[in-house]
Protein backbone atom coordinates (compact mmCIF):
# COMPACT_ATOMS: atom_id res chain seq x y z
CA MET A 1 46.11 -17.39 11.97
CA ALA A 2 47.49 -20.38 10.10
CA VAL A 3 51.14 -20.74 9.15
CA LYS A 4 51.53 -20.74 5.35
CA VAL A 5 54.19 -20.98 2.66
CA TYR A 6 54.58 -18.11 0.19
CA SER A 7 56.60 -18.18 -3.03
CA TYR A 8 58.12 -14.91 -4.29
CA LEU A 9 59.18 -14.51 -7.93
CA ARG A 10 60.94 -11.49 -9.41
CA PHE A 11 62.21 -10.93 -12.94
CA SER A 12 63.85 -7.70 -14.05
CA SER A 13 63.24 -8.43 -17.75
CA PRO A 14 60.75 -10.37 -19.94
CA LYS A 15 63.63 -12.59 -21.08
CA GLN A 16 64.13 -13.85 -17.53
CA ALA A 17 60.40 -14.41 -17.10
CA ALA A 18 60.33 -16.55 -20.23
CA GLY A 19 62.75 -19.09 -18.70
CA THR A 20 62.03 -22.17 -16.59
CA SER A 21 62.96 -20.72 -13.18
CA ALA A 22 59.38 -19.70 -12.38
CA ALA A 23 57.99 -23.21 -12.94
CA ARG A 24 60.97 -24.74 -11.13
CA GLN A 25 60.50 -22.52 -8.08
CA LYS A 26 56.75 -23.09 -7.97
CA ALA A 27 57.25 -26.86 -8.06
CA TYR A 28 59.94 -26.60 -5.36
CA ALA A 29 57.70 -24.47 -3.12
CA ALA A 30 54.77 -26.89 -3.53
CA ALA A 31 56.96 -29.91 -2.72
CA TRP A 32 58.62 -28.13 0.23
CA ALA A 33 55.23 -27.25 1.73
CA ALA A 34 53.78 -30.74 1.12
CA GLU A 35 56.71 -32.46 2.84
CA ARG A 36 56.10 -30.41 5.97
CA GLY A 37 52.33 -30.55 5.90
CA LEU A 38 51.96 -26.84 5.18
CA ALA A 39 49.68 -25.03 2.73
CA LEU A 40 51.16 -23.16 -0.23
CA ASP A 41 49.27 -19.85 -0.30
CA GLU A 42 48.61 -18.66 -3.85
CA SER A 43 45.95 -16.08 -2.98
CA LEU A 44 48.62 -13.42 -2.34
CA SER A 45 50.24 -12.80 -5.71
CA LEU A 46 53.97 -12.46 -5.09
CA ARG A 47 55.32 -11.94 -8.58
CA ASP A 48 57.25 -8.88 -9.76
CA GLU A 49 58.05 -8.75 -13.46
CA GLY A 50 60.15 -5.97 -14.93
CA LEU A 51 60.85 -4.42 -11.52
CA SER A 52 64.42 -3.70 -10.49
CA ALA A 53 65.75 -4.87 -7.14
CA PHE A 54 68.80 -2.62 -7.64
CA HIS A 55 66.66 0.54 -7.42
CA GLY A 56 64.15 -0.97 -4.95
CA ALA A 57 61.17 -0.65 -7.32
CA HIS A 58 59.88 -4.07 -6.27
CA VAL A 59 59.60 -2.77 -2.69
CA LYS A 60 58.19 0.67 -3.51
CA THR A 61 55.54 -0.41 -6.00
CA GLY A 62 55.75 -4.19 -6.31
CA ALA A 63 54.51 -7.38 -4.69
CA LEU A 64 57.40 -7.69 -2.25
CA GLY A 65 56.56 -4.30 -0.82
CA ALA A 66 52.96 -5.46 -0.35
CA PHE A 67 54.24 -8.59 1.44
CA LEU A 68 56.42 -6.51 3.77
CA ARG A 69 53.47 -4.24 4.58
CA ALA A 70 51.32 -7.33 5.24
CA ILE A 71 53.96 -8.50 7.76
CA GLU A 72 53.90 -5.09 9.48
CA ALA A 73 50.10 -5.20 9.62
CA GLY A 74 50.18 -8.63 11.28
CA LEU A 75 48.51 -10.37 8.33
CA ILE A 76 51.33 -12.92 7.97
CA ALA A 77 51.47 -15.46 10.80
CA PRO A 78 54.82 -15.94 12.60
CA GLY A 79 56.38 -19.20 11.47
CA SER A 80 55.27 -18.68 7.87
CA VAL A 81 57.79 -19.32 5.11
CA LEU A 82 58.90 -17.16 2.17
CA ILE A 83 60.54 -19.17 -0.62
CA VAL A 84 62.80 -17.37 -3.12
CA GLU A 85 65.17 -18.62 -5.82
CA GLN A 86 68.11 -16.91 -4.14
CA LEU A 87 68.67 -13.94 -1.85
CA ASP A 88 69.42 -11.51 -4.67
CA ARG A 89 65.75 -11.87 -5.70
CA LEU A 90 64.87 -10.06 -2.46
CA SER A 91 67.24 -7.14 -2.92
CA ARG A 92 70.16 -5.81 -4.93
CA GLU A 93 70.23 -2.49 -3.13
CA GLN A 94 73.17 -1.30 -1.06
CA ALA A 95 74.08 -3.65 1.78
CA ILE A 96 72.64 -1.49 4.57
CA GLN A 97 69.18 -1.30 2.94
CA ALA A 98 69.22 -4.97 1.88
CA GLN A 99 70.24 -6.16 5.35
CA ALA A 100 67.56 -4.03 7.06
CA GLN A 101 64.88 -5.43 4.76
CA PHE A 102 66.08 -9.03 5.30
CA ALA A 103 66.21 -8.47 9.07
CA SER A 104 62.64 -7.10 9.14
CA ILE A 105 61.35 -10.33 7.58
CA ILE A 106 63.30 -12.59 9.94
CA SER A 107 62.44 -10.47 13.01
CA ALA A 108 58.73 -10.90 12.24
CA GLY A 109 59.14 -14.67 12.66
CA VAL A 110 59.01 -15.41 8.91
CA ARG A 111 61.49 -17.99 7.61
CA VAL A 112 63.28 -17.44 4.31
CA VAL A 113 64.18 -20.47 2.17
CA THR A 114 66.38 -20.24 -0.96
CA VAL A 115 65.76 -22.70 -3.80
CA ALA A 116 69.25 -22.48 -5.33
CA ASP A 117 71.13 -23.82 -2.32
CA GLY A 118 68.36 -25.10 0.00
CA ARG A 119 69.40 -22.76 2.83
CA GLU A 120 66.94 -21.67 5.49
CA TYR A 121 67.18 -18.40 7.39
CA SER A 122 65.18 -17.88 10.58
CA GLN A 123 65.65 -16.57 14.09
CA GLU A 124 66.49 -20.11 15.25
CA THR A 125 68.98 -20.98 12.48
CA LEU A 126 70.77 -17.65 12.78
CA ARG A 127 71.01 -18.05 16.55
CA GLU A 128 72.59 -21.48 16.09
CA ASN A 129 74.79 -20.45 13.14
CA PRO A 130 75.53 -16.69 13.32
CA MET A 131 77.90 -17.02 10.37
CA ASP A 132 74.87 -17.61 8.14
CA LEU A 133 73.96 -13.95 8.67
CA LEU A 134 77.43 -12.94 7.48
CA TYR A 135 77.03 -15.24 4.47
CA ALA A 136 73.66 -13.68 3.64
CA LEU A 137 75.19 -10.21 3.91
CA MET A 138 78.05 -11.19 1.58
CA VAL A 139 75.53 -12.52 -0.97
CA MET A 140 73.68 -9.18 -0.86
CA ILE A 141 76.93 -7.18 -1.20
CA ARG A 142 77.98 -9.25 -4.20
CA ALA A 143 74.53 -8.84 -5.81
CA ASN A 144 74.68 -5.07 -5.36
CA GLU A 145 78.19 -4.87 -6.84
CA GLU A 146 77.13 -6.97 -9.83
CA SER A 147 74.09 -4.78 -10.43
CA GLU A 148 76.10 -1.59 -10.10
CA SER A 149 78.73 -2.86 -12.51
CA LYS A 150 76.03 -3.95 -14.97
CA SER A 151 74.29 -0.58 -14.62
CA LYS A 152 77.50 1.27 -15.50
CA ARG A 153 78.08 -0.95 -18.53
CA VAL A 154 74.50 -0.43 -19.72
CA VAL A 155 74.74 3.35 -19.25
CA ALA A 156 78.04 3.47 -21.15
CA ALA A 157 76.60 1.36 -23.97
CA ILE A 158 73.47 3.54 -24.30
CA LYS A 159 75.58 6.72 -24.32
CA GLN A 160 77.73 5.27 -27.09
CA GLN A 161 74.65 4.33 -29.13
CA CYS A 162 73.24 7.85 -28.73
CA LEU A 163 76.52 9.46 -29.80
CA ARG A 164 76.72 7.17 -32.85
CA PHE A 165 73.16 8.10 -33.82
CA GLN A 166 73.86 11.83 -33.43
CA SER A 167 77.01 11.53 -35.57
CA GLY A 168 75.16 9.57 -38.26
CA GLU A 169 77.24 6.40 -37.81
CA SER A 170 74.19 4.33 -36.85
CA LYS A 171 70.43 4.67 -37.17
CA ARG A 172 69.57 1.56 -35.18
CA ARG A 173 66.98 1.49 -32.43
CA ILE A 174 68.23 2.39 -28.96
CA ARG A 175 66.47 0.42 -26.24
CA ALA A 176 66.11 3.17 -23.67
CA GLY A 177 63.20 5.37 -22.69
CA LYS A 178 59.61 5.02 -23.83
CA ASP A 179 58.65 4.99 -27.48
CA PRO A 180 55.45 6.75 -28.67
CA VAL A 181 52.27 4.68 -28.65
CA TRP A 182 51.50 5.44 -32.32
CA LEU A 183 54.59 3.53 -33.51
CA CYS A 184 55.78 -0.07 -33.53
CA TYR A 185 59.18 -1.48 -34.44
CA VAL A 186 58.98 -4.18 -37.12
CA ASP A 187 61.78 -5.68 -39.22
CA ASN A 188 64.32 -3.15 -37.98
CA ARG A 189 62.25 -0.11 -38.86
CA TRP A 190 59.54 2.06 -37.36
CA GLU A 191 56.00 1.66 -38.63
CA LEU A 192 53.05 3.95 -37.95
CA ILE A 193 49.89 2.44 -36.46
CA PRO A 194 47.22 4.06 -38.69
CA GLU A 195 44.30 4.05 -36.24
CA ARG A 196 46.45 5.56 -33.50
CA VAL A 197 47.92 8.17 -35.85
CA GLU A 198 44.34 9.21 -36.65
CA MET A 199 43.65 9.63 -32.93
CA VAL A 200 46.83 11.68 -32.45
CA HIS A 201 45.91 14.08 -35.27
CA PHE A 202 42.39 14.37 -33.79
CA VAL A 203 43.90 15.32 -30.41
CA LEU A 204 46.22 17.90 -32.00
CA ASP A 205 43.41 19.43 -34.06
CA GLN A 206 41.21 19.82 -30.99
CA TYR A 207 44.09 21.25 -28.95
CA ARG A 208 44.82 23.82 -31.67
CA ALA A 209 41.12 24.68 -31.73
CA GLY A 210 41.40 25.76 -28.10
CA TYR A 211 40.11 22.72 -26.18
CA GLY A 212 41.90 21.54 -23.06
CA GLY A 213 43.12 18.08 -22.06
CA MET A 214 40.05 17.17 -20.03
CA ILE A 215 37.56 18.00 -22.81
CA ILE A 216 39.67 16.24 -25.45
CA ALA A 217 39.93 13.14 -23.24
CA ARG A 218 36.14 13.14 -22.93
CA MET A 219 35.83 13.41 -26.73
CA LEU A 220 38.09 10.36 -27.13
CA GLN A 221 36.05 8.41 -24.59
CA GLU A 222 32.79 9.29 -26.36
CA ARG A 223 34.28 7.83 -29.56
CA ASN A 224 35.58 4.74 -27.71
CA TRP A 225 39.07 5.66 -28.85
CA SER A 226 42.05 4.53 -26.81
CA LEU A 227 45.73 5.13 -27.46
CA THR A 228 46.98 2.90 -24.67
CA GLY A 229 44.25 0.31 -24.19
CA GLY A 230 42.78 2.19 -21.22
CA LEU A 231 40.56 5.23 -20.81
CA ALA A 232 41.89 8.47 -22.29
CA SER A 233 42.85 11.07 -19.69
CA ALA A 234 43.79 14.74 -19.58
CA LEU A 235 47.26 13.70 -18.38
CA LEU A 236 47.75 11.53 -21.46
CA VAL A 237 46.63 14.34 -23.78
CA ASN A 238 48.88 16.93 -22.14
CA ARG A 239 51.89 14.59 -22.24
CA MET A 240 51.24 13.91 -25.91
CA VAL A 241 51.14 17.54 -27.04
CA LYS A 242 54.49 18.29 -25.40
CA SER A 243 56.23 15.18 -26.76
CA GLU A 244 58.98 15.97 -29.28
CA ALA A 245 58.37 12.51 -30.72
CA LEU A 246 55.56 14.18 -32.71
CA ALA A 247 58.29 15.90 -34.72
CA GLY A 248 60.41 12.75 -34.88
CA VAL A 249 62.76 13.66 -32.02
CA HIS A 250 63.78 11.17 -29.31
CA THR A 251 65.44 12.46 -26.13
CA ILE A 252 67.14 9.99 -23.80
CA GLU A 253 68.24 10.87 -20.28
CA VAL A 254 71.02 8.53 -19.19
CA GLY A 255 73.82 8.80 -16.67
CA GLY A 256 73.01 12.42 -15.89
CA GLU A 257 73.28 13.42 -19.56
CA SER A 258 70.61 14.25 -22.12
CA PHE A 259 70.85 13.11 -25.75
CA ARG A 260 68.51 14.69 -28.28
CA MET A 261 68.23 12.79 -31.56
CA GLU A 262 66.40 14.39 -34.48
CA GLY A 263 64.96 12.12 -37.15
CA TYR A 264 64.83 9.13 -34.80
CA TYR A 265 61.11 8.55 -35.36
CA PRO A 266 58.86 9.15 -38.39
CA ALA A 267 57.53 12.68 -37.85
CA LEU A 268 53.77 13.31 -37.63
CA ILE A 269 54.19 17.11 -37.75
CA SER A 270 56.95 19.49 -38.86
CA SER A 271 59.32 21.24 -36.45
CA ASP A 272 57.52 24.55 -37.11
CA GLU A 273 54.17 22.95 -36.31
CA PHE A 274 55.64 21.53 -33.11
CA ALA A 275 57.01 24.96 -32.15
CA GLU A 276 53.55 26.45 -32.62
CA LEU A 277 52.04 23.65 -30.55
CA GLN A 278 54.44 24.46 -27.71
CA ARG A 279 53.50 28.13 -27.93
CA LEU A 280 49.88 27.14 -27.45
CA ARG A 281 50.88 24.84 -24.60
CA SER A 282 52.80 27.64 -22.87
CA GLU A 283 49.52 29.57 -22.84
CA ARG A 284 47.63 26.66 -21.29
CA GLY A 285 44.81 28.01 -19.18
CA ARG A 286 44.67 31.21 -21.24
CA ARG A 287 42.94 29.85 -24.32
CA ILE A 288 40.40 27.56 -22.70
CA GLY A 289 37.21 29.29 -21.65
CA LYS A 290 35.13 28.20 -18.70
CA GLY A 291 31.43 27.56 -18.37
CA THR A 292 28.67 27.63 -20.96
CA ASN A 293 29.41 31.25 -21.89
CA PRO A 294 33.23 31.50 -21.97
CA SER A 295 34.72 34.97 -22.25
CA ILE A 296 36.68 35.64 -25.43
CA ILE A 297 38.96 38.37 -24.02
CA THR A 298 39.54 37.78 -20.28
CA GLY A 299 41.75 35.18 -18.66
CA LEU A 300 44.23 35.58 -21.54
CA ARG A 301 46.55 38.08 -19.80
CA ILE A 302 45.65 40.40 -22.67
CA ALA A 303 42.81 42.61 -21.43
CA THR A 304 44.04 45.31 -19.05
CA CYS A 305 42.67 48.46 -17.45
CA GLY A 306 43.80 51.48 -19.46
CA TYR A 307 43.93 53.65 -16.33
CA CYS A 308 46.01 51.60 -13.89
CA GLY A 309 47.38 48.73 -16.02
CA SER A 310 45.82 46.00 -13.89
CA ALA A 311 44.23 42.89 -15.36
CA ILE A 312 40.58 42.93 -16.36
CA SER A 313 38.53 40.01 -15.07
CA SER A 314 35.02 38.89 -15.96
CA PHE A 315 32.16 37.56 -13.87
CA ALA A 316 28.73 36.19 -14.74
CA ARG A 317 25.57 37.97 -13.66
CA ALA A 318 22.11 36.48 -14.02
CA CYS A 319 20.10 38.19 -16.74
CA GLY A 320 16.79 36.46 -17.41
CA LYS A 321 16.10 32.76 -16.90
CA ARG A 322 18.68 31.28 -19.28
CA TYR A 323 21.28 33.92 -20.13
CA GLN A 324 24.07 34.87 -17.76
CA GLU A 325 25.55 38.22 -18.75
CA ARG A 326 29.32 38.54 -18.44
CA ARG A 327 30.64 41.78 -17.05
CA LEU A 328 34.18 43.17 -16.89
CA LEU A 329 35.86 44.57 -13.82
CA CYS A 330 39.35 45.93 -13.11
CA VAL A 331 40.92 43.63 -10.49
CA ASN A 332 42.45 46.67 -8.78
CA LYS A 333 38.97 47.65 -7.58
CA CYS A 334 39.33 45.25 -4.66
CA SER A 335 42.92 46.19 -3.79
CA VAL A 336 44.29 48.82 -1.44
CA ASN A 337 45.28 51.11 -4.33
CA GLN A 338 41.88 51.14 -5.99
CA CYS A 339 41.53 51.87 -9.68
CA PRO A 340 40.73 55.59 -10.09
CA VAL A 341 37.73 54.64 -12.23
CA GLY A 342 35.73 51.85 -10.60
CA GLY A 343 32.65 50.01 -11.80
CA SER A 344 31.94 47.25 -14.26
CA LEU A 345 30.70 47.10 -17.85
CA SER A 346 29.13 44.48 -20.08
CA THR A 347 31.54 42.40 -22.13
CA ALA A 348 28.95 42.11 -24.95
CA ALA A 349 29.65 45.62 -26.29
CA ILE A 350 33.41 45.00 -26.49
CA GLU A 351 32.94 41.59 -28.12
CA LYS A 352 30.59 43.01 -30.76
CA ALA A 353 32.89 45.94 -31.53
CA LEU A 354 35.95 43.69 -31.73
CA LEU A 355 34.24 41.22 -34.06
CA ASP A 356 32.88 43.97 -36.31
CA TYR A 357 36.21 45.80 -36.46
CA CYS A 358 38.35 42.73 -37.17
CA GLY A 359 35.70 41.26 -39.47
CA ASP A 360 36.29 44.17 -41.86
CA GLN A 361 38.97 43.11 -44.36
CA PHE A 362 40.50 46.60 -44.57
CA ASN A 363 40.70 47.05 -40.81
CA LEU A 364 42.27 43.63 -40.30
CA ALA A 365 44.77 44.20 -43.12
CA ASP A 366 45.71 47.44 -41.38
CA LEU A 367 46.10 45.63 -38.06
CA LEU A 368 48.26 42.91 -39.58
CA SER A 369 50.51 45.29 -41.49
CA GLY A 370 53.03 45.82 -38.75
CA VAL A 371 56.44 44.19 -39.05
CA GLY A 372 58.11 45.81 -36.09
CA ALA A 373 57.83 42.80 -33.80
CA ASP A 374 59.00 40.47 -36.58
CA VAL A 375 62.17 42.50 -37.11
CA ARG A 376 62.78 42.81 -33.38
CA VAL A 377 62.42 39.07 -32.72
CA ARG A 378 64.61 38.13 -35.70
CA ALA A 379 67.33 40.51 -34.49
CA ASN A 380 67.08 39.07 -30.98
CA LEU A 381 67.26 35.51 -32.34
CA SER A 382 70.28 36.35 -34.47
CA GLY A 383 72.04 37.80 -31.42
CA LEU A 384 71.22 34.74 -29.32
CA ARG A 385 72.56 32.38 -31.98
CA GLN A 386 75.81 34.35 -32.09
CA LYS A 387 76.08 34.17 -28.29
CA ILE A 388 75.49 30.41 -28.43
CA VAL A 389 78.37 30.00 -30.91
CA GLU A 390 80.68 32.13 -28.73
CA VAL A 391 79.85 30.23 -25.52
CA GLU A 392 80.26 26.88 -27.32
CA GLN A 393 83.71 27.97 -28.46
CA GLN A 394 84.66 29.02 -24.92
CA LEU A 395 83.37 25.74 -23.53
CA GLN A 396 85.34 23.80 -26.18
CA ARG A 397 88.55 25.63 -25.18
CA VAL A 398 88.01 24.75 -21.52
CA THR A 399 87.21 21.13 -22.44
CA ASP A 400 90.37 20.88 -24.57
CA ALA A 401 92.45 22.28 -21.70
CA LEU A 402 90.96 19.73 -19.31
CA ALA A 403 91.67 16.88 -21.74
CA ALA A 404 95.29 17.98 -22.24
CA ASP A 405 96.01 18.17 -18.49
CA ASP A 406 97.42 14.84 -17.24
CA GLY A 407 97.44 15.94 -13.63
CA ALA A 408 94.64 16.77 -11.21
CA VAL A 409 91.89 18.82 -12.82
CA PRO A 410 91.95 22.40 -11.45
CA LEU A 411 88.77 23.22 -9.54
CA ALA A 412 88.58 26.63 -11.26
CA PHE A 413 88.39 24.89 -14.66
CA LEU A 414 85.51 22.70 -13.52
CA ARG A 415 83.65 25.71 -12.11
CA LYS A 416 84.17 27.62 -15.35
CA ALA A 417 82.89 24.67 -17.40
CA ARG A 418 79.74 24.42 -15.25
CA GLU A 419 79.14 28.19 -15.53
CA LEU A 420 79.49 28.09 -19.32
CA GLU A 421 77.13 25.10 -19.57
CA ALA A 422 74.52 26.99 -17.53
CA VAL A 423 74.86 30.08 -19.74
CA LEU A 424 74.64 27.91 -22.87
CA ASP A 425 71.44 26.23 -21.62
CA SER A 426 69.92 29.66 -20.87
CA HIS A 427 70.76 31.04 -24.35
CA ARG A 428 69.39 27.93 -26.04
CA ALA A 429 66.12 28.18 -24.10
CA GLU A 430 65.77 31.85 -25.07
CA ALA A 431 66.46 31.00 -28.71
CA VAL A 432 63.75 28.32 -28.72
CA ALA A 433 61.29 30.83 -27.21
CA ALA A 434 62.22 33.40 -29.88
CA GLU A 435 61.72 30.83 -32.66
CA ARG A 436 58.24 30.04 -31.30
CA GLU A 437 57.42 33.76 -31.16
CA LEU A 438 58.42 34.13 -34.81
CA VAL A 439 56.04 31.32 -35.75
CA ALA A 440 53.24 33.08 -33.84
CA ILE A 441 53.91 36.42 -35.56
CA SER A 442 53.99 34.82 -39.00
CA GLN A 443 50.61 33.23 -38.30
CA VAL A 444 49.13 36.56 -37.19
CA GLN A 445 50.24 38.09 -40.49
CA SER A 446 48.53 35.31 -42.45
CA PRO A 447 45.66 36.58 -44.71
CA GLU A 448 43.48 33.57 -43.81
CA MET A 449 42.87 35.14 -40.40
CA ALA A 450 40.50 37.74 -41.91
CA ASP A 451 38.10 35.01 -43.01
CA GLN A 452 38.30 33.42 -39.57
CA TRP A 453 37.20 36.62 -37.84
CA SER A 454 34.24 37.23 -40.13
CA GLY A 455 33.08 33.63 -39.80
CA LEU A 456 32.87 33.71 -36.00
CA ARG A 457 30.65 36.74 -35.40
CA GLU A 458 27.25 35.06 -35.48
CA GLY A 459 28.31 32.14 -33.26
CA VAL A 460 30.01 34.36 -30.68
CA LEU A 461 27.07 36.74 -30.34
CA GLY A 462 24.74 33.72 -30.32
CA LEU A 463 26.65 32.40 -27.27
CA ASP A 464 27.76 29.17 -28.99
CA ALA A 465 30.35 27.84 -26.51
CA ASP A 466 32.42 25.99 -29.14
CA ILE A 467 32.56 29.06 -31.40
CA ARG A 468 33.45 31.29 -28.46
CA ILE A 469 36.40 29.01 -27.61
CA LYS A 470 37.62 29.36 -31.20
CA ALA A 471 37.20 33.14 -31.00
CA ARG A 472 39.10 33.15 -27.72
CA LYS A 473 42.03 31.43 -29.43
CA LEU A 474 41.84 33.92 -32.32
CA VAL A 475 41.99 36.88 -29.93
CA ALA A 476 45.09 35.37 -28.29
CA ASP A 477 46.67 34.81 -31.73
CA THR A 478 45.95 38.37 -32.92
CA PHE A 479 46.52 40.65 -29.92
CA SER A 480 49.25 41.02 -27.35
CA GLN A 481 47.17 43.53 -25.35
CA ILE A 482 43.75 45.18 -25.28
CA GLN A 483 43.64 48.23 -23.04
CA ILE A 484 40.14 49.21 -21.90
CA PHE A 485 39.32 52.79 -20.87
CA ARG A 486 35.84 52.27 -19.43
CA LEU A 487 34.84 55.96 -19.39
CA GLY A 488 37.02 57.12 -22.28
CA LEU A 489 40.65 58.23 -22.45
CA GLN A 490 39.66 61.31 -20.46
CA PRO A 491 37.37 59.62 -17.91
CA ASP A 492 33.98 61.24 -17.54
CA PRO A 493 31.00 59.48 -15.88
CA LYS A 494 28.73 61.20 -18.43
CA ASN A 495 30.44 59.49 -21.36
CA THR A 496 28.32 56.92 -23.16
CA TRP A 497 31.39 55.36 -24.81
CA MET A 498 34.59 53.61 -23.86
CA ASP A 499 37.94 53.69 -25.65
CA LEU A 500 40.00 50.62 -26.58
CA LEU A 501 43.68 50.46 -27.49
CA LEU A 502 44.33 47.36 -29.60
CA ILE A 503 47.96 46.18 -29.74
CA THR A 504 48.67 43.29 -32.11
CA ARG A 505 51.37 40.66 -31.79
CA GLY A 506 53.06 42.41 -34.70
CA GLY A 507 53.32 45.62 -32.67
CA VAL A 508 50.59 47.67 -34.43
CA ARG A 509 48.59 50.00 -32.13
CA ARG A 510 45.07 51.15 -33.02
CA TYR A 511 42.43 53.07 -31.00
CA ILE A 512 38.70 52.55 -31.42
CA ARG A 513 35.78 54.24 -29.60
CA VAL A 514 32.91 51.95 -28.62
CA ASN A 515 29.34 52.71 -27.51
CA ARG A 516 29.02 50.99 -24.12
CA ARG A 517 25.38 50.03 -24.76
CA THR A 518 25.24 49.04 -28.43
CA GLY A 519 28.84 48.05 -29.23
CA ALA A 520 28.89 50.39 -32.27
CA TRP A 521 32.45 51.58 -32.96
CA GLN A 522 34.26 54.41 -34.70
CA ARG A 523 37.87 54.93 -35.64
CA GLY A 524 39.96 56.62 -33.01
CA GLU A 525 43.26 57.53 -34.70
CA THR A 526 43.18 60.98 -33.08
CA LEU A 527 42.32 59.80 -29.59
CA ALA A 528 45.90 59.50 -28.38
CA GLY A 529 46.61 63.12 -29.21
């Protein structure tokens, strides 16, 4: 294995990369190798741009890490040379990590040469001049201290910029975190990228329609659409739909603190639309049917056994050459405490009855008439908002007391502040959930839903997978629970009907009786008696 010379370049920012140091080091490495009759190896790319040596990113994911692994694997011949501008290019981590990394290179028989001062570090030179090792260590310590000091200054500056934005003092761009791919910053203002905005709205429309990240990514690929320059992926789609940047909000995590800035970006959707999107996202896996004949009622945590309260699952059973019949089964059938009424039934009868019942304008108006849940959620939200105000006031009093104390901060005060912050975070999370629930209830009470139900019947019964996915979403939007009594409220194996209890998101409860074979239904207002 031939001895070679390798040149390692690292820049933590594009500004550094744009300078002359790269060309200067390359020329130095070529001349150094030529003078000694060695070959400068350029096949192994040793260039890390935008990777921090302070956090060790260039070792974990960068070219230097690949070089170190090549040494460990015996792919770098002893006696080879690594040329760097100066030692802080190799590491700005804490001294113990930096020294261990430096020692691993030297111990493998690789010499390190620094361009800035022409020093050479090897087993031989360090044996002859042990103080060189101390010098190298001092350089690494100084580099770490400089980086740490710079990091603190940067963190403090970003925090100040965030606070000024939140207070309205400044609306300038804050260079921290990732900005959304559908925006660019031109002439001190944000501009939308029209073709990418079109893609984003396409993704959101498909997500609202009930499709999952994987299917939407495939749709984008089929249209040769790319938001990032690469292939669309389910991960990209799922990250997009949960990004508050859609509603114009930018959240920056810095120095252990979180700063949420509303109105930072141009909004693509309203805050209410974003809340509804998050409600759909929280039900991920519930609204997306599987297979070519997705069920419209199971897998939503809505359908339950009326006898034991367990979930109802569905399974496909071959029925003819092309059609696979879906059947329903109480999951408790396979448990130790078996459901008192076992057996399965066809999902087709329930689907037909549900579509016919909700497709009737009068029935649906009756279902959507309830306001109990709306009142309950609003009352809960009002109470939560009052609690938030009270906790904020308590926290402010503790903070004021801490600020006024010139001595050592009492540990009890710090504990109390942390407890109040935890309670405040919990109340805020509950309030956000309540706001999303209100949006969902208001949508259920919308009159447009009646037309949606009536327009889906033919496609659902015709086993159109796309229509069934839309119906699945509609079921989840309309009902909080569907209780199925397979052999009637008073179970009797001789019964030819089943009873359903429909409970809407608005809190309305209605019974219907359904023929298990034909799906014909009749009103069941007296069934509960």
